[in-house]
Amino acid sequence: MTILPVIVAAVQLAGVTGDSLRARAFFDVNNAKVGDPLVLTVDFIGAADFASLHPPALSRAVNRADWKLDDASAKTDTFSDARRLTYRVRPMRDGVLWFPSLEFEYEGPNGEKRLVRSNAIPVHAKPGADIVVDEMAEVDEESMPGPDALITDPPDSLSDDELFAWRKACSNPSADAFSSFAFAQARLNEARCAILEGDWRRALAIYSRLEWHIGQTPAIERGIIAALAAKSQNPNAELPVWRQLARPVLRYAWKGRVLLVAGSVAALVALFWLLGRVVQALACLALVSLFALPSFAQAIDPFDLIEEMHRQARQDMMQMLNMPAHGGFNISIGGAPQVAQDISASVSVDKPLLQVGDGFRFILELEAPKGVSIGQIRLSPSETFGMRQTGDFEVLPDAPAQNASNVVKRLAVPVRYDVPFKGKITFDVQGMATVARTANGGWSRWSSSFGVRSKPLQIEIKPLPADGQPDDFSGLIADDVKFEESLDLQSVETNDVITVTYRLNHNGYLPKEWMPEGAAFEWVAGEWRRYVVADGRPATPAVEVVYYDPKAKAYRTAKTGETPISYRAE
């Protein structure tokens, strides 16, 4: 098995600025015949500015004896955190061909040059029937939509010199030959020649200007479709949806469009004028009703209205105060939500030595006056990376405070860290506080929200001990680990390419950019792709992941692979 080396010169991603990009490359199929068109996809993943990215030429970066890559077929797609490039590629000879790993150069945040490398891709190209390799280069023109035929009939108004130039241009047509004429037939011929010459941008610009002057005609529509098909190398290209919907307007030249807009504005003005008259009439009817029905107005006691408004406001406030809090750590202590008075917070841990994978508890202490009840507590740690809640909250018994008028309410939050950490951590604490008071011979309850921040807590989470740690430890710290693989093919011919998908499910921490042995790239979170050539081996390769189980406090191994491969008779 021979893999083409990485190209010496990196492919420039002009205009791309970002940080820590990743790349992955794959074909739509990995088993094809010589000459079959394949779709190569190259994804660039990460935080970057792709606005100025133009698909780079890749044909010079591959072995032309093995591959024919059509740079003109390049297309781009944009995703939230990635940019996708696609190219049309054909294998040029039979056998197992490896599309090479390519290096791409982009600019870092500080202007420095950075490199990102895509993975190599195997393809099993099988011999085709009566294929002439030299004739595989071009797209089948009969399958691509084309513009209307060349217009040879000139307008009657041409002079003898212009008529001679017209006939000369028609005898040897080209976009430049028709560019000196100003009438519509010449513009259509110029756009047609531009498409045939591969200059779809020029054709689209001509059609756009021509449409503005004479309106969108069927010939212009067919020409736009042909230009878009040439742009995307897609024989199924269609007229943009907005053009289809706007046909009633686009069929007019610019004067007709202006008249349509002016007419629409006039109709809207008339409509608003009529609406204004209706509103005035309704207002008059309302005034008449007020004077005609004084008994209704007298029956309404304004003091009753004010009292009802106050009652509704109190009811709305109580409903809002009793709504549960959301987000963060949420627990209720001491009953219903209540009014805040001189509340302070502190946080400690219940163990002197903390280590990655070991569970411990944050102890939250809220000091408040003895008459205050606290509820709906929400905690927001200042740093959560690697921190995992491992159980339910626990309300601990109250503790005395140094101030005899206060009490300390305590809450335990069970957690563990899956990564080493050393530094200070604070907690923002929000909740509701209520106090009961006597007023006018009865009891009243007053509630309000509060928010306090704990003092910084210095903690250190030590890494796993090196003693007894396997050399091939993956860095995975988790329990309930499941490692599985699936194949797109299990019944194959010799040298067929099998795409293996690894899936790792776990409850814990996995280092960034870790991949299983032999994997080509990460497909989605927790899922990787690998290519295996069925070269006679009876099963897929075995793959192991060594991880640390914090529950068992031991290193364990998760295994997958060795899926049987069945070979068909050839």
Protein backbone atom coordinates (compact mmCIF):
# COMPACT_ATOMS: atom_id res chain seq x y z
CA MET A 1 0.00 0.00 0.00
CA THR A 2 1.50 3.31 -1.10
CA ILE A 3 0.28 6.67 0.15
CA LEU A 4 1.25 9.74 -1.82
CA PRO A 5 3.40 12.09 0.28
CA VAL A 6 2.18 15.43 1.52
CA ILE A 7 2.77 18.13 -1.06
CA VAL A 8 5.92 20.18 -0.56
CA ALA A 9 4.27 23.58 -0.96
CA ALA A 10 1.18 24.27 1.15
CA VAL A 11 -2.03 25.33 -0.57
CA GLN A 12 -2.78 28.95 0.27
CA LEU A 13 -6.13 29.76 1.92
CA ALA A 14 -6.01 33.40 0.89
CA GLY A 15 -7.92 35.75 3.16
CA VAL A 16 -8.58 33.19 5.94
CA THR A 17 -7.72 34.31 9.47
CA GLY A 18 -8.36 32.01 12.41
CA ASP A 19 -7.07 29.99 15.32
CA SER A 20 -6.47 26.22 15.54
CA LEU A 21 -8.31 25.12 12.42
CA ARG A 22 -8.89 21.43 11.75
CA ALA A 23 -9.38 19.85 8.34
CA ARG A 24 -11.03 16.67 7.13
CA ALA A 25 -11.40 15.27 3.61
CA PHE A 26 -13.61 12.53 2.20
CA PHE A 27 -15.21 11.29 -1.03
CA ASP A 28 -18.89 10.59 -1.52
CA VAL A 29 -17.93 6.99 -2.47
CA ASN A 30 -14.69 5.06 -1.99
CA ASN A 31 -15.35 2.22 -4.43
CA ALA A 32 -15.89 3.23 -8.07
CA LYS A 33 -14.84 2.56 -11.66
CA VAL A 34 -12.07 4.31 -13.51
CA GLY A 35 -13.45 7.59 -14.82
CA ASP A 36 -16.42 7.77 -12.48
CA PRO A 37 -16.99 11.33 -11.18
CA LEU A 38 -16.43 11.52 -7.43
CA VAL A 39 -17.21 14.44 -5.12
CA LEU A 40 -14.27 15.45 -2.93
CA THR A 41 -15.25 17.36 0.22
CA VAL A 42 -12.73 19.32 2.28
CA ASP A 43 -14.00 20.82 5.54
CA PHE A 44 -12.19 23.49 7.56
CA ILE A 45 -13.52 23.47 11.13
CA GLY A 46 -12.90 26.04 13.84
CA ALA A 47 -13.22 29.73 14.65
CA ALA A 48 -12.07 31.65 11.59
CA ASP A 49 -13.05 34.39 9.18
CA PHE A 50 -13.87 32.65 5.90
CA ALA A 51 -15.58 35.64 4.25
CA SER A 52 -12.79 36.17 1.72
CA LEU A 53 -12.06 32.50 1.03
CA HIS A 54 -12.04 31.58 -2.65
CA PRO A 55 -11.72 27.84 -3.42
CA PRO A 56 -8.02 27.24 -4.08
CA ALA A 57 -6.79 25.24 -7.08
CA LEU A 58 -5.88 21.70 -6.01
CA SER A 59 -5.15 20.05 -9.36
CA ARG A 60 -1.42 20.79 -9.10
CA ALA A 61 -1.28 19.15 -5.68
CA VAL A 62 -2.25 15.66 -6.89
CA ASN A 63 -0.66 13.05 -9.13
CA ARG A 64 -2.26 13.58 -12.53
CA ALA A 65 -1.54 10.00 -13.52
CA ASP A 66 -3.93 8.93 -10.74
CA TRP A 67 -6.44 11.77 -10.48
CA LYS A 68 -8.14 14.38 -12.63
CA LEU A 69 -9.33 17.19 -10.40
CA ASP A 70 -11.56 19.88 -11.91
CA ASP A 71 -10.70 23.18 -10.19
CA ALA A 72 -13.51 24.95 -12.06
CA SER A 73 -16.08 22.70 -10.37
CA ALA A 74 -15.24 24.02 -6.89
CA LYS A 75 -18.17 25.11 -4.73
CA THR A 76 -18.37 26.45 -1.18
CA ASP A 77 -20.88 25.99 1.64
CA THR A 78 -20.92 27.86 4.93
CA PHE A 79 -21.79 26.41 8.34
CA SER A 80 -21.83 27.98 11.79
CA ASP A 81 -18.24 26.98 12.60
CA ALA A 82 -16.92 25.59 9.33
CA ARG A 83 -16.43 26.19 5.62
CA ARG A 84 -16.88 23.35 3.13
CA LEU A 85 -15.22 23.08 -0.29
CA THR A 86 -16.28 20.49 -2.87
CA TYR A 87 -14.54 19.47 -6.10
CA ARG A 88 -15.27 16.98 -8.87
CA VAL A 89 -12.53 14.33 -9.10
CA ARG A 90 -12.10 11.27 -11.36
CA PRO A 91 -9.75 8.30 -10.79
CA MET A 92 -7.58 7.81 -13.89
CA ARG A 93 -6.35 4.24 -13.45
CA ASP A 94 -7.48 1.06 -11.74
CA GLY A 95 -6.26 -0.21 -8.38
CA VAL A 96 -6.19 1.18 -4.85
CA LEU A 97 -5.45 4.89 -5.25
CA TRP A 98 -4.71 7.17 -2.32
CA PHE A 99 -5.78 10.78 -2.62
CA PRO A 100 -2.95 12.58 -0.80
CA SER A 101 -2.96 14.37 2.52
CA LEU A 102 -2.80 18.09 1.73
CA GLU A 103 -1.40 20.98 3.74
CA PHE A 104 -3.18 24.34 3.76
CA GLU A 105 -1.69 27.61 4.95
CA TYR A 106 -3.74 30.33 6.68
CA GLU A 107 -3.08 33.34 8.91
CA GLY A 108 -3.18 33.21 12.69
CA PRO A 109 -4.72 35.90 14.94
CA ASN A 110 -1.43 37.79 15.12
CA GLY A 111 -0.62 37.53 11.42
CA GLU A 112 1.62 34.48 11.75
CA LYS A 113 1.44 31.67 9.19
CA ARG A 114 -0.24 28.47 10.32
CA LEU A 115 -0.70 25.07 8.69
CA VAL A 116 -3.59 22.62 8.78
CA ARG A 117 -3.43 19.19 7.19
CA SER A 118 -6.22 17.06 5.77
CA ASN A 119 -6.23 13.26 5.86
CA ALA A 120 -5.40 10.89 2.99
CA ILE A 121 -8.30 9.03 1.35
CA PRO A 122 -8.19 5.59 -0.32
CA VAL A 123 -10.33 4.73 -3.36
CA HIS A 124 -10.66 1.34 -5.02
CA ALA A 125 -10.91 2.18 -8.75
CA LYS A 126 -12.12 -0.83 -10.70
CA PRO A 127 -11.55 -1.26 -14.46
CA GLY A 128 -14.31 0.20 -16.63
CA ALA A 129 -15.63 -1.08 -19.94
CA ASP A 130 -14.10 0.55 -23.06
CA ILE A 131 -12.96 3.68 -21.28
CA VAL A 132 -10.49 5.99 -22.98
CA VAL A 133 -8.72 7.85 -20.20
CA ASP A 134 -7.78 10.81 -22.40
CA GLU A 135 -11.45 11.52 -23.08
CA MET A 136 -12.58 11.53 -19.44
CA ALA A 137 -11.49 15.07 -18.69
CA GLU A 138 -14.41 17.12 -19.82
CA VAL A 139 -17.98 17.34 -18.54
CA ASP A 140 -20.62 15.80 -20.80
CA GLU A 141 -21.83 18.96 -22.51
CA GLU A 142 -25.06 17.33 -23.68
CA SER A 143 -26.15 16.93 -20.05
CA MET A 144 -25.53 20.59 -19.20
CA PRO A 145 -28.18 23.22 -19.98
CA GLY A 146 -27.00 25.71 -22.56
CA PRO A 147 -28.04 29.19 -23.75
CA ASP A 148 -30.11 29.78 -26.87
CA ALA A 149 -28.56 29.36 -30.28
CA LEU A 150 -26.53 32.15 -31.86
CA ILE A 151 -28.69 34.94 -33.28
CA THR A 152 -27.61 35.66 -36.85
CA ASP A 153 -30.41 38.00 -38.02
CA PRO A 154 -29.29 41.60 -37.46
CA PRO A 155 -31.60 44.57 -36.84
CA ASP A 156 -32.74 46.48 -39.95
CA SER A 157 -31.20 49.73 -38.71
CA LEU A 158 -27.55 48.64 -39.15
CA SER A 159 -25.32 50.55 -41.51
CA ASP A 160 -23.25 48.77 -44.15
CA ASP A 161 -20.12 48.91 -41.99
CA GLU A 162 -22.01 47.62 -38.93
CA LEU A 163 -23.61 44.87 -41.01
CA PHE A 164 -20.19 43.77 -42.26
CA ALA A 165 -18.86 43.68 -38.67
CA TRP A 166 -21.96 41.72 -37.59
CA ARG A 167 -21.48 39.05 -40.26
CA LYS A 168 -17.79 38.79 -39.37
CA ALA A 169 -18.66 38.28 -35.68
CA CYS A 170 -21.24 35.60 -36.53
CA SER A 171 -18.76 33.74 -38.74
CA ASN A 172 -16.20 33.60 -35.90
CA PRO A 173 -18.29 34.09 -32.72
CA SER A 174 -16.71 35.11 -29.43
CA ALA A 175 -17.74 37.24 -26.48
CA ASP A 176 -15.33 40.03 -27.46
CA ALA A 177 -16.51 39.96 -31.09
CA PHE A 178 -20.05 40.91 -30.07
CA SER A 179 -19.10 43.35 -27.29
CA SER A 180 -18.88 46.33 -29.70
CA PHE A 181 -22.60 46.14 -30.54
CA ALA A 182 -25.19 47.81 -28.31
CA PHE A 183 -28.47 46.13 -29.31
CA ALA A 184 -30.11 43.24 -27.42
CA GLN A 185 -29.35 40.45 -29.95
CA ALA A 186 -25.63 41.21 -29.68
CA ARG A 187 -25.79 41.20 -25.88
CA LEU A 188 -27.44 37.74 -25.93
CA ASN A 189 -24.78 36.46 -28.35
CA GLU A 190 -22.01 37.92 -26.15
CA ALA A 191 -23.43 36.19 -23.05
CA ARG A 192 -23.80 32.90 -24.94
CA CYS A 193 -20.17 32.98 -26.07
CA ALA A 194 -19.02 33.91 -22.55
CA ILE A 195 -20.72 30.79 -21.15
CA LEU A 196 -19.14 28.56 -23.81
CA GLU A 197 -15.77 30.16 -23.04
CA GLY A 198 -16.22 29.36 -19.33
CA ASP A 199 -16.70 32.98 -18.22
CA TRP A 200 -20.05 32.57 -16.43
CA ARG A 201 -19.48 35.72 -14.35
CA ARG A 202 -19.39 37.86 -17.49
CA ALA A 203 -22.53 36.16 -18.79
CA LEU A 204 -24.47 36.78 -15.58
CA ALA A 205 -23.46 40.45 -15.61
CA ILE A 206 -24.64 40.80 -19.23
CA TYR A 207 -27.99 39.15 -18.52
CA SER A 208 -28.51 41.36 -15.44
CA ARG A 209 -27.90 44.59 -17.42
CA LEU A 210 -29.98 43.40 -20.36
CA GLU A 211 -32.88 42.45 -18.11
CA TRP A 212 -32.89 45.94 -16.63
CA HIS A 213 -33.32 47.48 -20.09
CA ILE A 214 -35.72 45.04 -21.82
CA GLY A 215 -37.16 42.90 -18.99
CA GLN A 216 -36.72 39.22 -18.17
CA THR A 217 -37.47 37.21 -21.32
CA PRO A 218 -37.49 33.40 -21.76
CA ALA A 219 -34.15 33.66 -23.59
CA ILE A 220 -32.61 35.55 -20.66
CA GLU A 221 -34.04 33.00 -18.19
CA ARG A 222 -32.52 30.11 -20.14
CA GLY A 223 -29.22 31.95 -20.34
CA ILE A 224 -29.13 32.60 -16.58
CA ILE A 225 -29.81 28.90 -15.91
CA ALA A 226 -26.98 27.93 -18.29
CA ALA A 227 -24.59 30.35 -16.56
CA LEU A 228 -25.54 29.03 -13.10
CA ALA A 229 -25.05 25.44 -14.32
CA ALA A 230 -21.58 26.37 -15.60
CA LYS A 231 -20.82 28.06 -12.27
CA SER A 232 -21.75 25.04 -10.14
CA GLN A 233 -21.11 22.31 -12.72
CA ASN A 234 -24.61 21.12 -11.91
CA PRO A 235 -26.77 20.08 -14.88
CA ASN A 236 -29.86 20.39 -12.65
CA ALA A 237 -29.34 24.07 -11.88
CA GLU A 238 -32.54 26.08 -11.66
CA LEU A 239 -33.54 29.72 -11.81
CA PRO A 240 -33.24 31.30 -8.32
CA VAL A 241 -36.48 31.21 -6.37
CA TRP A 242 -36.65 34.98 -6.04
CA ARG A 243 -36.51 35.33 -9.84
CA GLN A 244 -39.32 32.81 -10.24
CA LEU A 245 -41.51 34.63 -7.71
CA ALA A 246 -40.73 38.07 -9.14
CA ARG A 247 -41.51 37.17 -12.78
CA PRO A 248 -44.59 39.48 -12.90
CA VAL A 249 -42.31 42.43 -12.06
CA LEU A 250 -39.07 41.36 -13.78
CA ARG A 251 -40.77 40.94 -17.16
CA TYR A 252 -41.00 44.74 -17.32
CA ALA A 253 -38.06 46.98 -18.16
CA TRP A 254 -36.94 49.61 -15.67
CA LYS A 255 -39.65 52.11 -16.69
CA GLY A 256 -42.39 49.58 -16.11
CA ARG A 257 -40.95 48.65 -12.72
CA VAL A 258 -40.85 52.31 -11.66
CA LEU A 259 -44.50 52.71 -12.66
CA LEU A 260 -45.44 49.58 -10.71
CA VAL A 261 -43.68 50.85 -7.58
CA ALA A 262 -45.28 54.30 -7.91
CA GLY A 263 -48.71 52.74 -8.37
CA SER A 264 -48.23 50.51 -5.34
CA VAL A 265 -47.19 53.47 -3.18
CA ALA A 266 -50.25 55.46 -4.34
CA ALA A 267 -52.54 52.53 -3.51
CA LEU A 268 -51.04 52.25 -0.01
CA VAL A 269 -51.49 55.98 0.58
CA ALA A 270 -55.15 55.74 -0.44
CA LEU A 271 -55.64 52.72 1.81
CA PHE A 272 -54.16 54.51 4.83
CA TRP A 273 -56.33 57.58 4.11
CA LEU A 274 -59.45 55.39 4.14
CA LEU A 275 -58.33 53.73 7.37
CA GLY A 276 -57.88 57.16 8.93
CA ARG A 277 -61.41 58.15 8.02
CA VAL A 278 -62.74 54.92 9.56
CA VAL A 279 -60.81 55.58 12.80
CA GLN A 280 -62.25 59.09 13.01
CA ALA A 281 -65.76 57.72 12.58
CA LEU A 282 -65.25 55.15 15.33
CA ALA A 283 -63.91 57.83 17.66
CA CYS A 284 -67.03 59.92 17.11
CA LEU A 285 -69.25 56.95 17.91
CA ALA A 286 -67.30 56.37 21.14
CA LEU A 287 -67.82 59.97 22.26
CA VAL A 288 -71.54 59.78 21.54
CA SER A 289 -71.78 56.57 23.58
CA LEU A 290 -70.10 58.18 26.61
CA PHE A 291 -72.55 61.09 26.64
CA ALA A 292 -75.56 58.95 25.85
CA LEU A 293 -74.96 56.43 28.66
CA PRO A 294 -74.03 58.52 31.74
CA SER A 295 -75.62 55.99 34.07
CA PHE A 296 -72.89 53.46 33.31
CA ALA A 297 -70.18 55.99 34.08
CA GLN A 298 -71.83 56.94 37.37
CA ALA A 299 -72.13 53.30 38.40
CA ILE A 300 -68.36 52.89 38.40
CA ASP A 301 -66.74 53.82 41.72
CA PRO A 302 -63.18 55.09 41.04
CA PHE A 303 -62.06 53.95 44.51
CA ASP A 304 -63.21 50.43 43.71
CA LEU A 305 -61.14 50.55 40.51
CA ILE A 306 -58.02 51.65 42.39
CA GLU A 307 -58.50 48.91 45.00
CA GLU A 308 -58.93 46.26 42.29
CA MET A 309 -55.75 47.46 40.56
CA HIS A 310 -53.81 47.19 43.83
CA ARG A 311 -55.24 43.71 44.53
CA GLN A 312 -54.24 42.48 41.05
CA ALA A 313 -50.74 43.97 41.38
CA ARG A 314 -50.23 42.18 44.74
CA GLN A 315 -51.43 38.91 43.20
CA ASP A 316 -49.05 39.27 40.21
CA MET A 317 -46.14 40.03 42.53
CA MET A 318 -46.80 36.95 44.68
CA GLN A 319 -46.98 34.76 41.57
CA MET A 320 -43.67 36.15 40.34
CA LEU A 321 -41.97 35.66 43.72
CA ASN A 322 -43.08 32.04 43.84
CA MET A 323 -41.78 31.16 40.36
CA PRO A 324 -38.91 28.61 40.57
CA ALA A 325 -35.42 29.71 39.62
CA HIS A 326 -33.75 28.14 36.58
CA GLY A 327 -30.14 27.34 35.68
CA GLY A 328 -27.09 26.70 37.79
CA PHE A 329 -27.41 24.67 40.98
CA ASN A 330 -31.02 25.00 42.25
CA ILE A 331 -32.24 23.95 45.72
CA SER A 332 -34.72 25.16 48.35
CA ILE A 333 -33.72 25.62 52.00
CA GLY A 334 -36.06 26.51 54.84
CA GLY A 335 -39.36 26.67 52.95
CA ALA A 336 -40.96 29.27 50.68
CA PRO A 337 -39.07 32.22 49.11
CA GLN A 338 -38.49 35.19 51.48
CA VAL A 339 -36.99 38.98 52.10
CA ALA A 340 -33.14 39.51 52.02
CA GLN A 341 -31.42 41.00 55.06
CA ASP A 342 -27.66 41.11 55.62
CA ILE A 343 -26.91 37.78 53.92
CA SER A 344 -23.31 36.75 53.26
CA ALA A 345 -21.86 33.65 51.58
CA SER A 346 -18.73 31.50 51.88
CA VAL A 347 -17.65 28.23 50.25
CA SER A 348 -15.29 25.50 51.43
CA VAL A 349 -14.46 21.89 50.50
CA ASP A 350 -14.86 18.82 52.69
CA LYS A 351 -11.45 17.21 51.87
CA PRO A 352 -7.91 18.48 52.42
CA LEU A 353 -6.43 16.76 49.32
CA LEU A 354 -8.23 16.73 45.98
CA GLN A 355 -7.32 14.66 42.92
CA VAL A 356 -8.66 14.25 39.40
CA GLY A 357 -11.45 11.68 39.45
CA ASP A 358 -12.02 11.81 43.23
CA GLY A 359 -15.38 13.02 44.44
CA PHE A 360 -15.73 15.75 47.07
CA ARG A 361 -18.28 18.36 48.14
CA PHE A 362 -18.44 22.13 47.99
CA ILE A 363 -19.98 23.36 51.26
CA LEU A 364 -22.00 26.55 50.80
CA GLU A 365 -22.63 28.55 53.98
CA LEU A 366 -25.15 31.42 54.00
CA GLU A 367 -25.18 33.59 57.12
CA ALA A 368 -28.46 35.41 57.69
CA PRO A 369 -30.53 36.79 60.62
CA LYS A 370 -32.39 34.09 62.52
CA GLY A 371 -35.81 35.30 61.43
CA VAL A 372 -35.05 34.96 57.72
CA SER A 373 -36.05 31.93 55.65
CA ILE A 374 -34.06 31.28 52.45
CA GLY A 375 -35.13 29.42 49.31
CA GLN A 376 -34.70 29.02 45.55
CA ILE A 377 -30.92 29.13 45.80
CA ARG A 378 -28.98 29.20 42.54
CA LEU A 379 -25.19 28.82 42.41
CA SER A 380 -23.00 29.99 39.52
CA PRO A 381 -19.33 28.91 39.80
CA SER A 382 -16.78 31.28 38.26
CA GLU A 383 -14.97 28.31 36.63
CA THR A 384 -16.69 25.11 35.50
CA PHE A 385 -14.19 23.52 33.07
CA GLY A 386 -13.70 19.89 34.02
CA MET A 387 -16.15 20.17 36.96
CA ARG A 388 -18.98 17.63 37.07
CA GLN A 389 -21.88 17.38 39.52
CA THR A 390 -22.03 13.77 40.72
CA GLY A 391 -25.15 13.63 42.86
CA ASP A 392 -28.08 15.41 44.42
CA PHE A 393 -27.75 18.42 46.68
CA GLU A 394 -27.82 17.87 50.39
CA VAL A 395 -29.23 20.32 52.92
CA LEU A 396 -27.03 20.21 56.02
CA PRO A 397 -28.04 21.19 59.56
CA ASP A 398 -27.82 24.86 60.46
CA ALA A 399 -24.70 26.01 62.30
CA PRO A 400 -24.29 28.84 64.84
CA ALA A 401 -22.75 32.10 63.69
CA GLN A 402 -20.28 34.32 65.51
CA ASN A 403 -23.03 36.92 65.68
CA ALA A 404 -25.59 35.48 68.11
CA SER A 405 -28.42 37.13 66.14
CA ASN A 406 -27.54 35.21 62.99
CA VAL A 407 -27.60 31.59 61.84
CA VAL A 408 -25.57 29.76 59.16
CA LYS A 409 -27.58 27.75 56.67
CA ARG A 410 -25.49 25.06 54.94
CA LEU A 411 -25.74 23.20 51.63
CA ALA A 412 -23.45 20.48 50.16
CA VAL A 413 -22.87 20.16 46.38
CA PRO A 414 -21.19 16.83 45.37
CA VAL A 415 -18.74 17.22 42.44
CA ARG A 416 -15.59 15.82 40.91
CA TYR A 417 -12.98 17.23 38.56
CA ASP A 418 -11.95 15.36 35.42
CA VAL A 419 -8.99 17.64 34.68
CA PRO A 420 -6.24 19.09 36.87
CA PHE A 421 -7.00 22.57 38.17
CA LYS A 422 -5.21 25.08 40.38
CA GLY A 423 -6.57 28.52 41.13
CA LYS A 424 -9.29 30.50 42.82
CA ILE A 425 -13.00 29.89 42.40
CA THR A 426 -15.96 31.98 43.57
CA PHE A 427 -19.69 31.37 43.59
CA ASP A 428 -22.41 33.85 42.74
CA VAL A 429 -25.40 32.97 44.93
CA GLN A 430 -28.92 34.10 44.11
CA GLY A 431 -32.17 33.27 45.86
CA MET A 432 -35.23 34.52 47.71
CA ALA A 433 -35.34 35.54 51.38
CA THR A 434 -38.50 35.92 53.51
CA VAL A 435 -39.08 37.40 56.94
CA ALA A 436 -42.28 37.24 59.02
CA ARG A 437 -43.24 40.39 60.96
CA THR A 438 -46.13 41.56 63.13
CA ALA A 439 -48.17 44.46 61.81
CA ASN A 440 -51.53 45.89 62.98
CA GLY A 441 -52.11 42.97 65.33
CA GLY A 442 -51.39 40.32 62.67
CA TRP A 443 -48.53 38.57 60.88
CA SER A 444 -47.14 39.65 57.50
CA ARG A 445 -44.56 37.94 55.26
CA TRP A 446 -42.17 40.08 53.22
CA SER A 447 -40.08 38.58 50.43
CA SER A 448 -37.35 39.81 48.09
CA SER A 449 -34.59 38.38 45.94
CA PHE A 450 -30.93 38.59 46.91
CA GLY A 451 -27.58 38.09 45.25
CA VAL A 452 -24.20 37.71 46.94
CA ARG A 453 -20.76 36.51 45.90
CA SER A 454 -18.66 34.21 48.02
CA LYS A 455 -15.08 34.98 48.93
CA PRO A 456 -12.50 33.40 46.55
CA LEU A 457 -11.65 29.80 47.41
CA GLN A 458 -8.15 28.58 46.53
CA ILE A 459 -8.26 24.94 45.41
CA GLU A 460 -5.88 22.53 43.70
CA ILE A 461 -7.01 19.43 41.82
CA LYS A 462 -3.94 17.24 41.44
CA PRO A 463 -3.48 15.09 38.30
CA LEU A 464 -3.68 11.32 38.35
CA PRO A 465 -0.59 9.70 39.89
CA ALA A 466 2.05 8.58 37.37
CA ASP A 467 2.71 5.37 39.30
CA GLY A 468 0.84 2.54 37.66
CA GLN A 469 -0.40 4.67 34.77
CA PRO A 470 -0.25 2.73 31.46
CA ASP A 471 1.95 4.17 28.70
CA ASP A 472 -0.98 4.16 26.27
CA PHE A 473 -3.34 5.97 28.66
CA SER A 474 -5.74 8.01 26.50
CA GLY A 475 -6.46 10.71 29.06
CA LEU A 476 -10.09 9.60 29.24
CA ILE A 477 -11.41 9.84 32.81
CA ALA A 478 -14.92 8.45 32.87
CA ASP A 479 -17.26 5.73 33.91
CA ASP A 480 -19.87 3.83 31.89
CA VAL A 481 -17.55 3.75 28.85
CA LYS A 482 -18.82 2.08 25.67
CA PHE A 483 -16.58 1.80 22.61
CA GLU A 484 -18.14 0.42 19.41
CA GLU A 485 -17.57 0.30 15.66
CA SER A 486 -19.81 -0.05 12.60
CA LEU A 487 -18.96 -0.73 8.94
CA ASP A 488 -20.54 0.62 5.76
CA LEU A 489 -19.59 -2.68 4.01
CA GLN A 490 -19.12 -6.19 5.37
CA SER A 491 -19.43 -8.16 2.10
CA VAL A 492 -16.66 -6.89 -0.17
CA GLU A 493 -14.41 -7.61 -3.09
CA THR A 494 -10.65 -7.70 -2.61
CA ASN A 495 -9.22 -4.15 -2.27
CA ASP A 496 -12.59 -2.56 -1.58
CA VAL A 497 -12.40 0.36 0.85
CA ILE A 498 -14.42 -0.05 4.06
CA THR A 499 -15.43 3.01 6.06
CA VAL A 500 -15.31 2.21 9.78
CA THR A 501 -17.15 4.47 12.23
CA TYR A 502 -16.01 4.44 15.87
CA ARG A 503 -18.39 5.63 18.58
CA LEU A 504 -17.25 6.39 22.12
CA ASN A 505 -19.93 6.98 24.75
CA HIS A 506 -18.81 7.93 28.23
CA ASN A 507 -19.68 9.91 31.33
CA GLY A 508 -16.56 11.94 31.90
CA TYR A 509 -13.71 13.86 30.31
CA LEU A 510 -11.81 13.23 27.06
CA PRO A 511 -8.83 15.39 26.01
CA LYS A 512 -9.45 17.70 23.09
CA GLU A 513 -8.58 16.32 19.63
CA TRP A 514 -8.01 12.78 20.90
CA MET A 515 -8.73 10.16 18.22
CA PRO A 516 -8.74 6.34 18.20
CA GLU A 517 -5.72 4.66 16.68
CA GLY A 518 -5.85 4.75 12.88
CA ALA A 519 -8.81 7.14 12.66
CA ALA A 520 -8.71 9.65 9.80
CA PHE A 521 -10.82 12.39 11.36
CA GLU A 522 -13.57 13.15 13.86
CA TRP A 523 -16.96 13.13 12.16
CA VAL A 524 -19.11 14.47 15.00
CA ALA A 525 -18.53 14.68 18.76
CA GLY A 526 -17.67 11.19 20.01
CA GLU A 527 -17.64 9.69 16.50
CA TRP A 528 -14.64 9.11 14.23
CA ARG A 529 -14.08 7.72 10.70
CA ARG A 530 -11.38 5.30 9.55
CA TYR A 531 -10.63 3.73 6.15
CA VAL A 532 -9.67 0.06 5.93
CA VAL A 533 -8.63 -1.59 2.65
CA ALA A 534 -9.98 -5.15 2.40
CA ASP A 535 -6.67 -6.65 1.33
CA GLY A 536 -7.46 -10.19 2.45
CA ARG A 537 -7.56 -9.61 6.20
CA PRO A 538 -10.39 -11.59 7.86
CA ALA A 539 -11.54 -8.78 10.18
CA THR A 540 -11.13 -5.11 10.93
CA PRO A 541 -8.23 -4.04 13.17
CA ALA A 542 -8.64 -4.25 16.94
CA VAL A 543 -8.60 -0.86 18.70
CA GLU A 544 -8.22 -0.22 22.44
CA VAL A 545 -8.86 2.80 24.66
CA VAL A 546 -7.19 2.87 28.07
CA TYR A 547 -9.09 5.05 30.53
CA TYR A 548 -9.32 5.78 34.24
CA ASP A 549 -12.54 4.77 36.01
CA PRO A 550 -13.06 7.16 38.97
CA LYS A 551 -15.69 4.90 40.52
CA ALA A 552 -13.42 1.85 40.55
CA LYS A 553 -10.31 4.03 41.06
CA ALA A 554 -8.51 1.91 38.49
CA TYR A 555 -7.31 1.97 34.89
CA ARG A 556 -9.45 -0.02 32.48
CA THR A 557 -9.45 -0.87 28.78
CA ALA A 558 -12.36 -0.58 26.33
CA LYS A 559 -11.97 -2.59 23.13
CA THR A 560 -13.66 -2.66 19.74
CA GLY A 561 -12.89 -3.85 16.23
CA GLU A 562 -12.25 -7.33 14.84
CA THR A 563 -15.56 -7.27 12.97
CA PRO A 564 -15.51 -10.14 10.43
CA ILE A 565 -15.10 -9.24 6.73
CA SER A 566 -16.78 -11.43 4.10
CA TYR A 567 -15.24 -11.60 0.60
CA ARG A 568 -17.38 -12.14 -2.51
CA ALA A 569 -16.20 -14.35 -5.35
CA GLU A 570 -14.88 -12.17 -8.19
